[in-house]
Amino acid sequence: MKAVKFAVSMHEEDYKDLEAIRKEEKLSRSGVIAEAIRLLKEFREKEKLVRQYEEGYKKMPEELANIKAWERVSAEVFSKGEWQ
């Protein structure tokens, strides 16, 4: 992948946080920024999936009988240790 250089301005406190994270994680500044971008993308994707789930659940909520059936099956599986 081609690397691109760019200048970043930030508040001094944010810079101090960046440096502390960089030193603790033994990363370069570029590494911290790249990791932050990766985590932000991952977080946004998970938020999107949660919103989709919530919208779907509003359109078609679970019935009490289904919930009780899942609870019963889960209890059986965990009591037998089959989940390991």
Protein backbone atom coordinates (compact mmCIF):
# COMPACT_ATOMS: atom_id res chain seq x y z
CA MET A 1 0.00 0.00 0.00
CA LYS A 2 1.29 3.45 -0.88
CA ALA A 3 2.02 5.71 2.10
CA VAL A 4 0.87 9.33 2.06
CA LYS A 5 2.27 12.05 4.31
CA PHE A 6 0.09 14.79 5.74
CA ALA A 7 0.27 17.37 8.49
CA VAL A 8 -2.08 17.24 11.46
CA SER A 9 -2.93 20.01 13.91
CA MET A 10 -4.45 19.14 17.27
CA HIS A 11 -4.86 20.50 20.74
CA GLU A 12 -1.86 20.05 23.00
CA GLU A 13 -3.76 17.74 25.36
CA ASP A 14 -4.73 15.47 22.46
CA TYR A 15 -1.10 15.41 21.36
CA LYS A 16 -0.01 14.41 24.86
CA ASP A 17 -2.60 11.62 24.82
CA LEU A 18 -1.33 10.50 21.42
CA GLU A 19 2.24 10.37 22.69
CA ALA A 20 1.24 8.46 25.82
CA ILE A 21 -0.67 5.89 23.78
CA ARG A 22 2.17 5.64 21.27
CA LYS A 23 4.73 4.94 23.95
CA GLU A 24 2.51 2.51 25.85
CA GLU A 25 1.61 0.55 22.73
CA LYS A 26 5.11 0.85 21.22
CA LEU A 27 3.70 2.29 17.99
CA SER A 28 4.73 5.11 15.72
CA ARG A 29 2.46 8.14 15.43
CA SER A 30 1.41 6.81 12.04
CA GLY A 31 0.62 3.48 13.65
CA VAL A 32 -1.59 5.10 16.29
CA ILE A 33 -3.46 7.11 13.66
CA ALA A 34 -3.92 4.03 11.43
CA GLU A 35 -5.19 1.99 14.39
CA ALA A 36 -7.57 4.80 15.41
CA ILE A 37 -9.00 4.91 11.89
CA ARG A 38 -9.40 1.12 11.81
CA LEU A 39 -11.19 1.16 15.18
CA LEU A 40 -13.46 4.03 14.14
CA LYS A 41 -14.45 2.19 10.95
CA GLU A 42 -15.12 -0.99 12.96
CA PHE A 43 -17.17 0.94 15.54
CA ARG A 44 -19.27 2.62 12.84
CA GLU A 45 -19.93 -0.71 11.12
CA LYS A 46 -21.07 -2.25 14.41
CA GLU A 47 -23.30 0.75 15.08
CA LYS A 48 -24.83 0.31 11.62
CA LEU A 49 -25.51 -3.38 12.30
CA VAL A 50 -27.12 -2.57 15.65
CA ARG A 51 -29.38 0.01 14.01
CA GLN A 52 -30.39 -2.54 11.35
CA TYR A 53 -31.11 -5.12 14.04
CA GLU A 54 -33.18 -2.64 16.06
CA GLU A 55 -35.19 -1.60 12.99
CA GLY A 56 -35.81 -5.24 12.09
CA TYR A 57 -36.82 -6.06 15.65
CA LYS A 58 -39.30 -3.16 15.67
CA LYS A 59 -40.86 -4.51 12.48
CA MET A 60 -40.94 -8.11 13.69
CA PRO A 61 -40.45 -8.47 17.46
CA GLU A 62 -39.90 -11.87 19.04
CA GLU A 63 -42.88 -13.55 20.57
CA LEU A 64 -42.81 -14.57 24.22
CA ALA A 65 -43.06 -18.27 23.26
CA ASN A 66 -39.87 -17.98 21.16
CA ILE A 67 -37.99 -16.24 23.96
CA LYS A 68 -38.99 -18.91 26.48
CA ALA A 69 -37.97 -21.67 24.05
CA TRP A 70 -34.50 -20.10 23.61
CA GLU A 71 -34.13 -19.73 27.37
CA ARG A 72 -35.05 -23.41 27.86
CA VAL A 73 -32.62 -24.64 25.20
CA SER A 74 -29.84 -22.38 26.48
CA ALA A 75 -30.32 -23.63 30.03
CA GLU A 76 -30.13 -27.24 28.83
CA VAL A 77 -26.97 -26.63 26.78
CA PHE A 78 -25.19 -24.82 29.59
CA SER A 79 -26.21 -27.35 32.23
CA LYS A 80 -24.76 -30.17 30.09
CA GLY A 81 -21.57 -28.26 29.31
CA GLU A 82 -22.21 -28.65 25.55
CA TRP A 83 -21.23 -25.03 24.89
CA GLN A 84 -17.52 -25.66 25.53
